[in-house]
Amino acid sequence: MNWKRPDIQKLIDAVLVLRTPAEARHFLRDLMTESEIEEFARRLRAAELLSQKVPYSKIVEETGLSSTTVARVARWLKSEGGGYRRILHRLSSEA
């Protein structure tokens, strides 16, 4: 993916200017379908469970994600750059 494409950079910039949970809810609602939002929420939940060393089979059962998607989330969770890792760390720091 070309992250430097102007339209993709504009999307990143848009996310960065959100200030409140309400703004984020409204933007996500306008940007994605309800099923896409639910899918991304399940992926984030899978990342959280993977970081807690929960077995894939339990994650598939709880989230309804395919084992392929759980494996992909696991790969991204472990990868350098680690967007999931950073977000989970920040969320746990705020709790």
PDB file of N, CA and C in Angstrom:
ATOM      1  N   MET A   1       0.848  -1.183   0.000  1.00  0.00           N
ATOM      2  CA  MET A   1       0.000   0.000   0.000  1.00  0.00           C
ATOM      3  C   MET A   1       0.885   1.235   0.000  1.00  0.00           C
ATOM      4  N   ASN A   2       0.470   2.208  -0.753  1.00  0.00           N
ATOM      5  CA  ASN A   2       1.203   3.467  -0.814  1.00  0.00           C
ATOM      6  C   ASN A   2       0.628   4.437   0.223  1.00  0.00           C
ATOM      7  N   TRP A   3       1.245   4.470   1.393  1.00  0.00           N
ATOM      8  CA  TRP A   3       0.766   5.300   2.490  1.00  0.00           C
ATOM      9  C   TRP A   3       0.935   6.792   2.221  1.00  0.00           C
ATOM     10  N   LYS A   4       1.717   7.135   1.205  1.00  0.00           N
ATOM     11  CA  LYS A   4       1.960   8.547   0.901  1.00  0.00           C
ATOM     12  C   LYS A   4       0.992   9.119  -0.127  1.00  0.00           C
ATOM     13  N   ARG A   5       0.082   8.272  -0.629  1.00  0.00           N
ATOM     14  CA  ARG A   5      -0.933   8.785  -1.556  1.00  0.00           C
ATOM     15  C   ARG A   5      -1.721   9.890  -0.857  1.00  0.00           C
ATOM     16  N   PRO A   6      -1.998  10.973  -1.550  1.00  0.00           N
ATOM     17  CA  PRO A   6      -2.704  12.100  -0.909  1.00  0.00           C
ATOM     18  C   PRO A   6      -4.036  11.721  -0.260  1.00  0.00           C
ATOM     19  N   ASP A   7      -4.819  10.855  -0.898  1.00  0.00           N
ATOM     20  CA  ASP A   7      -6.115  10.501  -0.319  1.00  0.00           C
ATOM     21  C   ASP A   7      -5.950   9.665   0.944  1.00  0.00           C
ATOM     22  N   ILE A   8      -4.950   8.811   0.982  1.00  0.00           N
ATOM     23  CA  ILE A   8      -4.700   8.009   2.182  1.00  0.00           C
ATOM     24  C   ILE A   8      -4.146   8.895   3.296  1.00  0.00           C
ATOM     25  N   GLN A   9      -3.258   9.815   2.948  1.00  0.00           N
ATOM     26  CA  GLN A   9      -2.723  10.743   3.945  1.00  0.00           C
ATOM     27  C   GLN A   9      -3.837  11.605   4.521  1.00  0.00           C
ATOM     28  N   LYS A  10      -4.800  11.995   3.687  1.00  0.00           N
ATOM     29  CA  LYS A  10      -5.937  12.799   4.156  1.00  0.00           C
ATOM     30  C   LYS A  10      -6.773  12.005   5.168  1.00  0.00           C
ATOM     31  N   LEU A  11      -6.954  10.704   4.915  1.00  0.00           N
ATOM     32  CA  LEU A  11      -7.690   9.856   5.855  1.00  0.00           C
ATOM     33  C   LEU A  11      -6.949   9.780   7.193  1.00  0.00           C
ATOM     34  N   ILE A  12      -5.639   9.594   7.144  1.00  0.00           N
ATOM     35  CA  ILE A  12      -4.836   9.556   8.374  1.00  0.00           C
ATOM     36  C   ILE A  12      -4.961  10.884   9.117  1.00  0.00           C
ATOM     37  N   ASP A  13      -4.844  11.970   8.401  1.00  0.00           N
ATOM     38  CA  ASP A  13      -4.978  13.291   9.021  1.00  0.00           C
ATOM     39  C   ASP A  13      -6.349  13.473   9.657  1.00  0.00           C
ATOM     40  N   ALA A  14      -7.389  12.961   8.990  1.00  0.00           N
ATOM     41  CA  ALA A  14      -8.747  13.067   9.521  1.00  0.00           C
ATOM     42  C   ALA A  14      -8.870  12.339  10.861  1.00  0.00           C
ATOM     43  N   VAL A  15      -8.291  11.160  10.958  1.00  0.00           N
ATOM     44  CA  VAL A  15      -8.338  10.400  12.212  1.00  0.00           C
ATOM     45  C   VAL A  15      -7.607  11.165  13.314  1.00  0.00           C
ATOM     46  N   LEU A  16      -6.501  11.778  12.961  1.00  0.00           N
ATOM     47  CA  LEU A  16      -5.696  12.480  13.960  1.00  0.00           C
ATOM     48  C   LEU A  16      -6.346  13.745  14.514  1.00  0.00           C
ATOM     49  N   VAL A  17      -7.312  14.307  13.812  1.00  0.00           N
ATOM     50  CA  VAL A  17      -7.953  15.528  14.323  1.00  0.00           C
ATOM     51  C   VAL A  17      -9.197  15.248  15.164  1.00  0.00           C
ATOM     52  N   LEU A  18      -9.608  13.997  15.274  1.00  0.00           N
ATOM     53  CA  LEU A  18     -10.755  13.665  16.124  1.00  0.00           C
ATOM     54  C   LEU A  18     -10.402  13.968  17.576  1.00  0.00           C
ATOM     55  N   ARG A  19     -11.329  14.600  18.298  1.00  0.00           N
ATOM     56  CA  ARG A  19     -11.013  15.041  19.654  1.00  0.00           C
ATOM     57  C   ARG A  19     -11.823  14.350  20.747  1.00  0.00           C
ATOM     58  N   THR A  20     -12.992  13.848  20.403  1.00  0.00           N
ATOM     59  CA  THR A  20     -13.855  13.269  21.435  1.00  0.00           C
ATOM     60  C   THR A  20     -14.400  11.922  20.969  1.00  0.00           C
ATOM     61  N   PRO A  21     -14.845  11.095  21.916  1.00  0.00           N
ATOM     62  CA  PRO A  21     -15.484   9.837  21.520  1.00  0.00           C
ATOM     63  C   PRO A  21     -16.680  10.071  20.595  1.00  0.00           C
ATOM     64  N   ALA A  22     -17.442  11.118  20.838  1.00  0.00           N
ATOM     65  CA  ALA A  22     -18.605  11.406  19.980  1.00  0.00           C
ATOM     66  C   ALA A  22     -18.150  11.721  18.554  1.00  0.00           C
ATOM     67  N   GLU A  23     -17.093  12.515  18.410  1.00  0.00           N
ATOM     68  CA  GLU A  23     -16.572  12.816  17.079  1.00  0.00           C
ATOM     69  C   GLU A  23     -16.121  11.530  16.381  1.00  0.00           C
ATOM     70  N   ALA A  24     -15.446  10.659  17.122  1.00  0.00           N
ATOM     71  CA  ALA A  24     -14.977   9.397  16.549  1.00  0.00           C
ATOM     72  C   ALA A  24     -16.152   8.526  16.126  1.00  0.00           C
ATOM     73  N   ARG A  25     -17.183   8.442  16.959  1.00  0.00           N
ATOM     74  CA  ARG A  25     -18.376   7.659  16.613  1.00  0.00           C
ATOM     75  C   ARG A  25     -19.020   8.171  15.334  1.00  0.00           C
ATOM     76  N   HIS A  26     -19.185   9.483  15.244  1.00  0.00           N
ATOM     77  CA  HIS A  26     -19.829  10.075  14.066  1.00  0.00           C
ATOM     78  C   HIS A  26     -18.990   9.845  12.809  1.00  0.00           C
ATOM     79  N   PHE A  27     -17.685  10.008  12.931  1.00  0.00           N
ATOM     80  CA  PHE A  27     -16.814   9.812  11.774  1.00  0.00           C
ATOM     81  C   PHE A  27     -16.833   8.350  11.322  1.00  0.00           C
ATOM     82  N   LEU A  28     -16.707   7.430  12.273  1.00  0.00           N
ATOM     83  CA  LEU A  28     -16.731   6.003  11.909  1.00  0.00           C
ATOM     84  C   LEU A  28     -18.069   5.632  11.281  1.00  0.00           C
ATOM     85  N   ARG A  29     -19.158   6.153  11.819  1.00  0.00           N
ATOM     86  CA  ARG A  29     -20.486   5.873  11.269  1.00  0.00           C
ATOM     87  C   ARG A  29     -20.591   6.360   9.827  1.00  0.00           C
ATOM     88  N   ASP A  30     -20.046   7.537   9.559  1.00  0.00           N
ATOM     89  CA  ASP A  30     -20.105   8.097   8.208  1.00  0.00           C
ATOM     90  C   ASP A  30     -19.153   7.389   7.253  1.00  0.00           C
ATOM     91  N   LEU A  31     -18.045   6.907   7.778  1.00  0.00           N
ATOM     92  CA  LEU A  31     -16.992   6.320   6.950  1.00  0.00           C
ATOM     93  C   LEU A  31     -17.258   4.867   6.578  1.00  0.00           C
ATOM     94  N   MET A  32     -17.819   4.112   7.513  1.00  0.00           N
ATOM     95  CA  MET A  32     -17.945   2.672   7.324  1.00  0.00           C
ATOM     96  C   MET A  32     -19.374   2.205   7.539  1.00  0.00           C
ATOM     97  N   THR A  33     -19.632   0.988   7.068  1.00  0.00           N
ATOM     98  CA  THR A  33     -20.917   0.363   7.351  1.00  0.00           C
ATOM     99  C   THR A  33     -20.900  -0.161   8.779  1.00  0.00           C
ATOM    100  N   GLU A  34     -22.066  -0.454   9.292  1.00  0.00           N
ATOM    101  CA  GLU A  34     -22.166  -1.013  10.640  1.00  0.00           C
ATOM    102  C   GLU A  34     -21.384  -2.323  10.739  1.00  0.00           C
ATOM    103  N   SER A  35     -21.476  -3.161   9.727  1.00  0.00           N
ATOM    104  CA  SER A  35     -20.766  -4.449   9.777  1.00  0.00           C
ATOM    105  C   SER A  35     -19.248  -4.261   9.718  1.00  0.00           C
ATOM    106  N   GLU A  36     -18.775  -3.246   9.008  1.00  0.00           N
ATOM    107  CA  GLU A  36     -17.323  -2.969   8.984  1.00  0.00           C
ATOM    108  C   GLU A  36     -16.842  -2.509  10.361  1.00  0.00           C
ATOM    109  N   ILE A  37     -17.609  -1.654  11.001  1.00  0.00           N
ATOM    110  CA  ILE A  37     -17.241  -1.192  12.348  1.00  0.00           C
ATOM    111  C   ILE A  37     -17.189  -2.384  13.305  1.00  0.00           C
ATOM    112  N   GLU A  38     -18.192  -3.245  13.234  1.00  0.00           N
ATOM    113  CA  GLU A  38     -18.220  -4.430  14.102  1.00  0.00           C
ATOM    114  C   GLU A  38     -17.041  -5.352  13.810  1.00  0.00           C
ATOM    115  N   GLU A  39     -16.688  -5.519  12.545  1.00  0.00           N
ATOM    116  CA  GLU A  39     -15.536  -6.356  12.166  1.00  0.00           C
ATOM    117  C   GLU A  39     -14.244  -5.806  12.761  1.00  0.00           C
ATOM    118  N   PHE A  40     -14.036  -4.499  12.652  1.00  0.00           N
ATOM    119  CA  PHE A  40     -12.814  -3.902  13.192  1.00  0.00           C
ATOM    120  C   PHE A  40     -12.775  -3.998  14.713  1.00  0.00           C
ATOM    121  N   ALA A  41     -13.923  -3.874  15.346  1.00  0.00           N
ATOM    122  CA  ALA A  41     -13.987  -4.027  16.803  1.00  0.00           C
ATOM    123  C   ALA A  41     -13.624  -5.461  17.204  1.00  0.00           C
ATOM    124  N   ARG A  42     -14.088  -6.440  16.431  1.00  0.00           N
ATOM    125  CA  ARG A  42     -13.740  -7.846  16.719  1.00  0.00           C
ATOM    126  C   ARG A  42     -12.248  -8.086  16.533  1.00  0.00           C
ATOM    127  N   ARG A  43     -11.653  -7.465  15.537  1.00  0.00           N
ATOM    128  CA  ARG A  43     -10.209  -7.621  15.328  1.00  0.00           C
ATOM    129  C   ARG A  43      -9.415  -7.024  16.486  1.00  0.00           C
ATOM    130  N   LEU A  44      -9.849  -5.871  16.962  1.00  0.00           N
ATOM    131  CA  LEU A  44      -9.178  -5.264  18.108  1.00  0.00           C
ATOM    132  C   LEU A  44      -9.325  -6.165  19.333  1.00  0.00           C
ATOM    133  N   ARG A  45     -10.505  -6.734  19.526  1.00  0.00           N
ATOM    134  CA  ARG A  45     -10.726  -7.666  20.638  1.00  0.00           C
ATOM    135  C   ARG A  45      -9.823  -8.888  20.491  1.00  0.00           C
ATOM    136  N   ALA A  46      -9.669  -9.388  19.269  1.00  0.00           N
ATOM    137  CA  ALA A  46      -8.777 -10.524  19.038  1.00  0.00           C
ATOM    138  C   ALA A  46      -7.349 -10.154  19.414  1.00  0.00           C
ATOM    139  N   ALA A  47      -6.904  -8.964  19.053  1.00  0.00           N
ATOM    140  CA  ALA A  47      -5.549  -8.528  19.416  1.00  0.00           C
ATOM    141  C   ALA A  47      -5.386  -8.479  20.925  1.00  0.00           C
ATOM    142  N   GLU A  48      -6.405  -7.982  21.597  1.00  0.00           N
ATOM    143  CA  GLU A  48      -6.372  -7.918  23.062  1.00  0.00           C
ATOM    144  C   GLU A  48      -6.256  -9.324  23.655  1.00  0.00           C
ATOM    145  N   LEU A  49      -7.066 -10.253  23.156  1.00  0.00           N
ATOM    146  CA  LEU A  49      -7.035 -11.630  23.664  1.00  0.00           C
ATOM    147  C   LEU A  49      -5.716 -12.312  23.334  1.00  0.00           C
ATOM    148  N   LEU A  50      -5.189 -12.075  22.145  1.00  0.00           N
ATOM    149  CA  LEU A  50      -3.893 -12.655  21.771  1.00  0.00           C
ATOM    150  C   LEU A  50      -2.793 -12.150  22.701  1.00  0.00           C
ATOM    151  N   SER A  51      -2.848 -10.881  23.050  1.00  0.00           N
ATOM    152  CA  SER A  51      -1.830 -10.325  23.946  1.00  0.00           C
ATOM    153  C   SER A  51      -1.921 -10.928  25.345  1.00  0.00           C
ATOM    154  N   GLN A  52      -3.107 -11.491  25.668  1.00  0.00           N
ATOM    155  CA  GLN A  52      -3.302 -12.166  26.954  1.00  0.00           C
ATOM    156  C   GLN A  52      -3.050 -13.668  26.846  1.00  0.00           C
ATOM    157  N   LYS A  53      -2.524 -14.094  25.687  1.00  0.00           N
ATOM    158  CA  LYS A  53      -2.170 -15.504  25.428  1.00  0.00           C
ATOM    159  C   LYS A  53      -3.379 -16.440  25.412  1.00  0.00           C
ATOM    160  N   VAL A  54      -4.535 -15.916  25.042  1.00  0.00           N
ATOM    161  CA  VAL A  54      -5.733 -16.742  24.912  1.00  0.00           C
ATOM    162  C   VAL A  54      -5.575 -17.594  23.647  1.00  0.00           C
ATOM    163  N   PRO A  55      -5.909 -18.881  23.699  1.00  0.00           N
ATOM    164  CA  PRO A  55      -5.775 -19.748  22.517  1.00  0.00           C
ATOM    165  C   PRO A  55      -6.651 -19.283  21.346  1.00  0.00           C
ATOM    166  N   TYR A  56      -6.151 -19.525  20.135  1.00  0.00           N
ATOM    167  CA  TYR A  56      -6.872 -19.142  18.921  1.00  0.00           C
ATOM    168  C   TYR A  56      -8.308 -19.662  18.944  1.00  0.00           C
ATOM    169  N   SER A  57      -8.486 -20.899  19.355  1.00  0.00           N
ATOM    170  CA  SER A  57      -9.826 -21.496  19.312  1.00  0.00           C
ATOM    171  C   SER A  57     -10.809 -20.715  20.185  1.00  0.00           C
ATOM    172  N   LYS A  58     -10.371 -20.251  21.335  1.00  0.00           N
ATOM    173  CA  LYS A  58     -11.237 -19.444  22.206  1.00  0.00           C
ATOM    174  C   LYS A  58     -11.538 -18.083  21.580  1.00  0.00           C
ATOM    175  N   ILE A  59     -10.537 -17.514  20.906  1.00  0.00           N
ATOM    176  CA  ILE A  59     -10.722 -16.211  20.261  1.00  0.00           C
ATOM    177  C   ILE A  59     -11.722 -16.330  19.117  1.00  0.00           C
ATOM    178  N   VAL A  60     -11.582 -17.384  18.316  1.00  0.00           N
ATOM    179  CA  VAL A  60     -12.529 -17.630  17.231  1.00  0.00           C
ATOM    180  C   VAL A  60     -13.932 -17.774  17.796  1.00  0.00           C
ATOM    181  N   GLU A  61     -14.055 -18.521  18.880  1.00  0.00           N
ATOM    182  CA  GLU A  61     -15.363 -18.745  19.512  1.00  0.00           C
ATOM    183  C   GLU A  61     -15.960 -17.441  20.036  1.00  0.00           C
ATOM    184  N   GLU A  62     -15.143 -16.642  20.722  1.00  0.00           N
ATOM    185  CA  GLU A  62     -15.654 -15.402  21.329  1.00  0.00           C
ATOM    186  C   GLU A  62     -15.966 -14.317  20.302  1.00  0.00           C
ATOM    187  N   THR A  63     -15.092 -14.173  19.306  1.00  0.00           N
ATOM    188  CA  THR A  63     -15.232 -13.051  18.378  1.00  0.00           C
ATOM    189  C   THR A  63     -16.030 -13.378  17.120  1.00  0.00           C
ATOM    190  N   GLY A  64     -16.093 -14.650  16.765  1.00  0.00           N
ATOM    191  CA  GLY A  64     -16.743 -15.025  15.517  1.00  0.00           C
ATOM    192  C   GLY A  64     -15.854 -14.808  14.300  1.00  0.00           C
ATOM    193  N   LEU A  65     -14.602 -14.406  14.526  1.00  0.00           N
ATOM    194  CA  LEU A  65     -13.654 -14.243  13.428  1.00  0.00           C
ATOM    195  C   LEU A  65     -13.196 -15.603  12.930  1.00  0.00           C
ATOM    196  N   SER A  66     -12.743 -15.657  11.696  1.00  0.00           N
ATOM    197  CA  SER A  66     -12.182 -16.902  11.182  1.00  0.00           C
ATOM    198  C   SER A  66     -10.792 -17.097  11.783  1.00  0.00           C
ATOM    199  N   SER A  67     -10.331 -18.339  11.787  1.00  0.00           N
ATOM    200  CA  SER A  67      -8.984 -18.608  12.304  1.00  0.00           C
ATOM    201  C   SER A  67      -7.935 -17.914  11.438  1.00  0.00           C
ATOM    202  N   THR A  68      -8.223 -17.742  10.158  1.00  0.00           N
ATOM    203  CA  THR A  68      -7.298 -17.031   9.267  1.00  0.00           C
ATOM    204  C   THR A  68      -7.165 -15.571   9.689  1.00  0.00           C
ATOM    205  N   THR A  69      -8.277 -14.941  10.020  1.00  0.00           N
ATOM    206  CA  THR A  69      -8.238 -13.546  10.461  1.00  0.00           C
ATOM    207  C   THR A  69      -7.523 -13.426  11.797  1.00  0.00           C
ATOM    208  N   VAL A  70      -7.762 -14.350  12.707  1.00  0.00           N
ATOM    209  CA  VAL A  70      -7.071 -14.329  14.001  1.00  0.00           C
ATOM    210  C   VAL A  70      -5.567 -14.479  13.782  1.00  0.00           C
ATOM    211  N   ALA A  71      -5.175 -15.361  12.882  1.00  0.00           N
ATOM    212  CA  ALA A  71      -3.747 -15.541  12.587  1.00  0.00           C
ATOM    213  C   ALA A  71      -3.148 -14.269  11.991  1.00  0.00           C
ATOM    214  N   ARG A  72      -3.902 -13.599  11.128  1.00  0.00           N
ATOM    215  CA  ARG A  72      -3.433 -12.343  10.535  1.00  0.00           C
ATOM    216  C   ARG A  72      -3.266 -11.276  11.615  1.00  0.00           C
ATOM    217  N   VAL A  73      -4.232 -11.184  12.522  1.00  0.00           N
ATOM    218  CA  VAL A  73      -4.128 -10.218  13.625  1.00  0.00           C
ATOM    219  C   VAL A  73      -2.906 -10.548  14.479  1.00  0.00           C
ATOM    220  N   ALA A  74      -2.667 -11.832  14.726  1.00  0.00           N
ATOM    221  CA  ALA A  74      -1.504 -12.247  15.512  1.00  0.00           C
ATOM    222  C   ALA A  74      -0.207 -11.823  14.823  1.00  0.00           C
ATOM    223  N   ARG A  75      -0.166 -11.977  13.514  1.00  0.00           N
ATOM    224  CA  ARG A  75       1.040 -11.589  12.763  1.00  0.00           C
ATOM    225  C   ARG A  75       1.257 -10.087  12.867  1.00  0.00           C
ATOM    226  N   TRP A  76       0.191  -9.297  12.706  1.00  0.00           N
ATOM    227  CA  TRP A  76       0.319  -7.848  12.817  1.00  0.00           C
ATOM    228  C   TRP A  76       0.663  -7.427  14.242  1.00  0.00           C
ATOM    229  N   LEU A  77       0.135  -8.123  15.215  1.00  0.00           N
ATOM    230  CA  LEU A  77       0.420  -7.821  16.623  1.00  0.00           C
ATOM    231  C   LEU A  77       1.904  -8.000  16.926  1.00  0.00           C
ATOM    232  N   LYS A  78       2.507  -9.009  16.300  1.00  0.00           N
ATOM    233  CA  LYS A  78       3.926  -9.312  16.535  1.00  0.00           C
ATOM    234  C   LYS A  78       4.865  -8.508  15.641  1.00  0.00           C
ATOM    235  N   SER A  79       4.335  -7.898  14.593  1.00  0.00           N
ATOM    236  CA  SER A  79       5.195  -7.244  13.605  1.00  0.00           C
ATOM    237  C   SER A  79       5.808  -5.955  14.138  1.00  0.00           C
ATOM    238  N   GLU A  80       6.927  -5.606  13.524  1.00  0.00           N
ATOM    239  CA  GLU A  80       7.572  -4.350  13.867  1.00  0.00           C
ATOM    240  C   GLU A  80       6.665  -3.208  13.434  1.00  0.00           C
ATOM    241  N   GLY A  81       6.635  -2.188  14.193  1.00  0.00           N
ATOM    242  CA  GLY A  81       5.716  -1.091  13.909  1.00  0.00           C
ATOM    243  C   GLY A  81       4.479  -1.210  14.767  1.00  0.00           C
ATOM    244  N   GLY A  82       4.028  -2.433  14.963  1.00  0.00           N
ATOM    245  CA  GLY A  82       2.994  -2.819  15.890  1.00  0.00           C
ATOM    246  C   GLY A  82       1.903  -1.839  16.223  1.00  0.00           C
ATOM    247  N   GLY A  83       1.019  -1.549  15.273  1.00  0.00           N
ATOM    248  CA  GLY A  83      -0.108  -0.662  15.558  1.00  0.00           C
ATOM    249  C   GLY A  83      -1.009  -1.204  16.645  1.00  0.00           C
ATOM    250  N   TYR A  84      -1.332  -2.493  16.562  1.00  0.00           N
ATOM    251  CA  TYR A  84      -2.163  -3.097  17.611  1.00  0.00           C
ATOM    252  C   TYR A  84      -1.471  -2.994  18.967  1.00  0.00           C
ATOM    253  N   ARG A  85      -0.186  -3.345  19.004  1.00  0.00           N
ATOM    254  CA  ARG A  85       0.566  -3.337  20.266  1.00  0.00           C
ATOM    255  C   ARG A  85       0.537  -1.945  20.894  1.00  0.00           C
ATOM    256  N   ARG A  86       0.774  -0.934  20.077  1.00  0.00           N
ATOM    257  CA  ARG A  86       0.797   0.442  20.588  1.00  0.00           C
ATOM    258  C   ARG A  86      -0.574   0.852  21.122  1.00  0.00           C
ATOM    259  N   ILE A  87      -1.623   0.559  20.383  1.00  0.00           N
ATOM    260  CA  ILE A  87      -2.975   0.922  20.809  1.00  0.00           C
ATOM    261  C   ILE A  87      -3.353   0.198  22.097  1.00  0.00           C
ATOM    262  N   LEU A  88      -3.070  -1.112  22.172  1.00  0.00           N
ATOM    263  CA  LEU A  88      -3.393  -1.863  23.382  1.00  0.00           C
ATOM    264  C   LEU A  88      -2.642  -1.317  24.582  1.00  0.00           C
ATOM    265  N   HIS A  89      -1.393  -0.945  24.377  1.00  0.00           N
ATOM    266  CA  HIS A  89      -0.592  -0.364  25.470  1.00  0.00           C
ATOM    267  C   HIS A  89      -1.211   0.957  25.941  1.00  0.00           C
ATOM    268  N   ARG A  90      -1.577   1.795  24.983  1.00  0.00           N
ATOM    269  CA  ARG A  90      -2.167   3.089  25.357  1.00  0.00           C
ATOM    270  C   ARG A  90      -3.513   2.930  26.033  1.00  0.00           C
ATOM    271  N   LEU A  91      -4.320   1.994  25.532  1.00  0.00           N
ATOM    272  CA  LEU A  91      -5.614   1.750  26.168  1.00  0.00           C
ATOM    273  C   LEU A  91      -5.454   1.227  27.584  1.00  0.00           C
ATOM    274  N   SER A  92      -4.481   0.342  27.802  1.00  0.00           N
ATOM    275  CA  SER A  92      -4.274  -0.204  29.160  1.00  0.00           C
ATOM    276  C   SER A  92      -3.704   0.851  30.090  1.00  0.00           C
ATOM    277  N   SER A  93      -2.939   1.793  29.557  1.00  0.00           N
ATOM    278  CA  SER A  93      -2.378   2.869  30.367  1.00  0.00           C
ATOM    279  C   SER A  93      -3.455   3.836  30.839  1.00  0.00           C
ATOM    280  N   GLU A  94      -4.528   3.966  30.048  1.00  0.00           N
ATOM    281  CA  GLU A  94      -5.618   4.887  30.389  1.00  0.00           C
ATOM    282  C   GLU A  94      -6.621   4.255  31.336  1.00  0.00           C
ATOM    283  N   ALA A  95      -6.588   2.931  31.460  1.00  0.00           N
ATOM    284  CA  ALA A  95      -7.584   2.238  32.291  1.00  0.00           C
ATOM    285  C   ALA A  95      -7.332   2.438  33.760  1.00  0.00           C
TER     286      ALA A  95
END
